[in-house]
Amino acid sequence: MPIYEYQCDDCGERFELFVRSSAQRDTPTCPKCDSTKVHKAISLFGLGGSSSSSGLGASSCSPGFT
C-alpha cells in the first residue's frame, strides 16, 4: 500500500495517508482542521542520516586491496 504525504493549505499540518487501491480517489481532509484544501507534499525519505553530502558518489566500503 502506498503512503502519500499531504500538507494542508489552511493550517499547514503535514499528514500521511495510506491508499489501499488506485480506485480510492476521495479528496483527503486535514486531520487537524478538517479542510479539504490539501496538496501532496514531496516526501524526503532516505535523505539524511549518518552519511554526509560531501561523500556523494564515493563508496564507504574498501575494495580490500591497495
N, C-alpha and C. Protein backbone atom coordinates (compact mmCIF):
# COMPACT_ATOMS: atom_id res chain seq x y z
N MET A 1 0.84 -1.18 0.00
CA MET A 1 0.00 0.00 0.00
C MET A 1 0.88 1.24 0.00
N PRO A 2 0.69 2.11 -0.95
CA PRO A 2 1.48 3.35 -0.94
C PRO A 2 1.04 4.30 0.17
N ILE A 3 2.00 5.04 0.67
CA ILE A 3 1.74 6.06 1.67
C ILE A 3 2.01 7.41 1.02
N TYR A 4 1.03 8.28 1.03
CA TYR A 4 1.19 9.61 0.46
C TYR A 4 1.25 10.63 1.59
N GLU A 5 2.07 11.65 1.42
CA GLU A 5 2.14 12.74 2.38
C GLU A 5 1.41 13.94 1.81
N TYR A 6 0.65 14.59 2.65
CA TYR A 6 -0.12 15.76 2.26
C TYR A 6 0.21 16.91 3.20
N GLN A 7 -0.05 18.12 2.73
CA GLN A 7 0.05 19.30 3.57
C GLN A 7 -1.21 20.13 3.38
N CYS A 8 -1.76 20.59 4.50
CA CYS A 8 -2.98 21.40 4.48
C CYS A 8 -2.63 22.83 4.08
N ASP A 9 -3.38 23.39 3.14
CA ASP A 9 -3.17 24.77 2.71
C ASP A 9 -3.69 25.77 3.73
N ASP A 10 -4.64 25.34 4.57
CA ASP A 10 -5.23 26.26 5.55
C ASP A 10 -4.41 26.37 6.83
N CYS A 11 -4.02 25.23 7.44
CA CYS A 11 -3.33 25.29 8.73
C CYS A 11 -1.87 24.85 8.67
N GLY A 12 -1.42 24.28 7.52
CA GLY A 12 -0.03 23.88 7.37
C GLY A 12 0.29 22.50 7.92
N GLU A 13 -0.68 21.80 8.46
CA GLU A 13 -0.46 20.46 9.02
C GLU A 13 0.00 19.49 7.94
N ARG A 14 1.05 18.69 8.25
CA ARG A 14 1.51 17.63 7.34
C ARG A 14 1.01 16.31 7.90
N PHE A 15 0.49 15.46 7.02
CA PHE A 15 -0.01 14.16 7.46
C PHE A 15 0.16 13.14 6.36
N GLU A 16 0.11 11.87 6.76
CA GLU A 16 0.26 10.76 5.82
C GLU A 16 -1.08 10.07 5.61
N LEU A 17 -1.23 9.49 4.44
CA LEU A 17 -2.47 8.79 4.11
C LEU A 17 -2.13 7.49 3.40
N PHE A 18 -2.64 6.36 3.92
CA PHE A 18 -2.48 5.07 3.26
C PHE A 18 -3.53 4.96 2.17
N VAL A 19 -3.12 4.58 0.99
CA VAL A 19 -4.05 4.43 -0.13
C VAL A 19 -4.13 2.95 -0.45
N ARG A 20 -5.31 2.38 -0.32
CA ARG A 20 -5.48 0.94 -0.50
C ARG A 20 -5.52 0.51 -1.95
N SER A 21 -6.04 1.34 -2.82
CA SER A 21 -6.09 0.99 -4.24
C SER A 21 -6.11 2.26 -5.08
N SER A 22 -5.83 2.09 -6.36
CA SER A 22 -5.86 3.26 -7.25
C SER A 22 -7.28 3.76 -7.46
N ALA A 23 -8.26 2.93 -7.12
CA ALA A 23 -9.66 3.34 -7.26
C ALA A 23 -10.08 4.31 -6.16
N GLN A 24 -9.29 4.38 -5.08
CA GLN A 24 -9.62 5.27 -3.97
C GLN A 24 -9.24 6.69 -4.36
N ARG A 25 -10.20 7.48 -4.77
CA ARG A 25 -9.93 8.83 -5.26
C ARG A 25 -10.59 9.90 -4.39
N ASP A 26 -10.94 9.57 -3.16
CA ASP A 26 -11.56 10.54 -2.27
C ASP A 26 -10.58 11.67 -1.97
N THR A 27 -11.08 12.88 -1.89
CA THR A 27 -10.26 14.01 -1.51
C THR A 27 -9.94 13.90 -0.03
N PRO A 28 -8.67 13.87 0.33
CA PRO A 28 -8.33 13.75 1.75
C PRO A 28 -8.69 15.02 2.51
N THR A 29 -8.93 14.86 3.79
CA THR A 29 -9.21 16.01 4.65
C THR A 29 -8.13 16.09 5.73
N CYS A 30 -7.82 17.29 6.12
CA CYS A 30 -6.82 17.53 7.14
C CYS A 30 -7.32 17.00 8.49
N PRO A 31 -6.53 16.20 9.19
CA PRO A 31 -6.97 15.68 10.48
C PRO A 31 -7.00 16.74 11.58
N LYS A 32 -6.35 17.87 11.35
CA LYS A 32 -6.30 18.93 12.37
C LYS A 32 -7.47 19.90 12.25
N CYS A 33 -7.77 20.34 11.00
CA CYS A 33 -8.80 21.38 10.84
C CYS A 33 -9.95 20.95 9.92
N ASP A 34 -9.92 19.71 9.41
CA ASP A 34 -10.97 19.15 8.53
C ASP A 34 -11.10 19.87 7.19
N SER A 35 -10.09 20.60 6.78
CA SER A 35 -10.13 21.27 5.49
C SER A 35 -9.87 20.27 4.37
N THR A 36 -10.46 20.51 3.22
CA THR A 36 -10.19 19.69 2.04
C THR A 36 -9.19 20.37 1.11
N LYS A 37 -8.68 21.52 1.53
CA LYS A 37 -7.67 22.25 0.75
C LYS A 37 -6.30 21.71 1.11
N VAL A 38 -5.97 20.54 0.55
CA VAL A 38 -4.69 19.90 0.82
C VAL A 38 -4.00 19.59 -0.50
N HIS A 39 -2.68 19.45 -0.45
CA HIS A 39 -1.92 19.06 -1.63
C HIS A 39 -0.89 18.02 -1.24
N LYS A 40 -0.49 17.22 -2.23
CA LYS A 40 0.54 16.21 -1.98
C LYS A 40 1.85 16.93 -1.70
N ALA A 41 2.51 16.48 -0.65
CA ALA A 41 3.81 17.04 -0.28
C ALA A 41 4.91 16.17 -0.86
N ILE A 42 6.06 16.75 -1.07
CA ILE A 42 7.21 16.00 -1.56
C ILE A 42 7.81 15.27 -0.38
N SER A 43 7.95 13.98 -0.51
CA SER A 43 8.49 13.14 0.54
C SER A 43 10.00 13.11 0.45
N LEU A 44 10.67 13.34 1.55
CA LEU A 44 12.13 13.36 1.56
C LEU A 44 12.69 12.19 2.35
N PHE A 45 12.08 11.03 2.24
CA PHE A 45 12.57 9.87 2.95
C PHE A 45 13.92 9.45 2.40
N GLY A 46 14.77 8.93 3.26
CA GLY A 46 16.07 8.44 2.85
C GLY A 46 17.13 9.51 2.66
N LEU A 47 16.79 10.76 2.86
CA LEU A 47 17.78 11.83 2.76
C LEU A 47 18.17 12.22 4.17
N GLY A 48 19.40 12.08 4.50
CA GLY A 48 19.85 12.39 5.84
C GLY A 48 20.39 11.14 6.49
N GLY A 49 20.57 11.20 7.78
CA GLY A 49 21.11 10.04 8.47
C GLY A 49 22.59 10.21 8.70
N SER A 50 23.33 9.11 8.65
CA SER A 50 24.74 9.14 9.03
C SER A 50 25.69 9.50 7.89
N SER A 51 25.25 9.45 6.65
CA SER A 51 26.17 9.78 5.55
C SER A 51 26.18 11.28 5.31
N SER A 52 27.31 11.79 4.89
CA SER A 52 27.42 13.22 4.63
C SER A 52 27.24 13.50 3.15
N SER A 53 26.81 14.70 2.82
CA SER A 53 26.60 15.05 1.42
C SER A 53 27.91 15.22 0.68
N SER A 54 29.01 15.44 1.40
CA SER A 54 30.29 15.62 0.72
C SER A 54 30.83 14.31 0.15
N GLY A 55 30.28 13.18 0.59
CA GLY A 55 30.75 11.90 0.12
C GLY A 55 29.89 11.31 -0.97
N LEU A 56 29.12 12.10 -1.64
CA LEU A 56 28.26 11.59 -2.70
C LEU A 56 29.10 10.99 -3.81
N GLY A 57 28.75 9.81 -4.21
CA GLY A 57 29.48 9.15 -5.28
C GLY A 57 30.68 8.37 -4.80
N ALA A 58 31.09 8.56 -3.58
CA ALA A 58 32.23 7.83 -3.04
C ALA A 58 31.72 6.66 -2.23
N SER A 59 32.36 5.52 -2.38
CA SER A 59 31.97 4.33 -1.66
C SER A 59 32.56 4.37 -0.26
N SER A 60 31.77 3.93 0.73
CA SER A 60 32.28 3.87 2.09
C SER A 60 32.92 2.52 2.36
N CYS A 61 32.87 1.61 1.41
CA CYS A 61 33.46 0.28 1.56
C CYS A 61 34.80 0.23 0.83
N SER A 62 35.75 -0.38 1.48
CA SER A 62 37.05 -0.55 0.86
C SER A 62 37.02 -1.74 -0.08
N PRO A 63 37.68 -1.67 -1.22
CA PRO A 63 37.67 -2.81 -2.14
C PRO A 63 38.48 -3.99 -1.62
N GLY A 64 39.27 -3.78 -0.53
CA GLY A 64 40.01 -4.88 0.06
C GLY A 64 41.44 -4.99 -0.42
N PHE A 65 41.88 -4.15 -1.33
CA PHE A 65 43.26 -4.15 -1.78
C PHE A 65 43.71 -2.73 -2.05
N THR A 66 44.99 -2.50 -1.98
CA THR A 66 45.51 -1.15 -2.11
C THR A 66 46.26 -0.93 -3.40
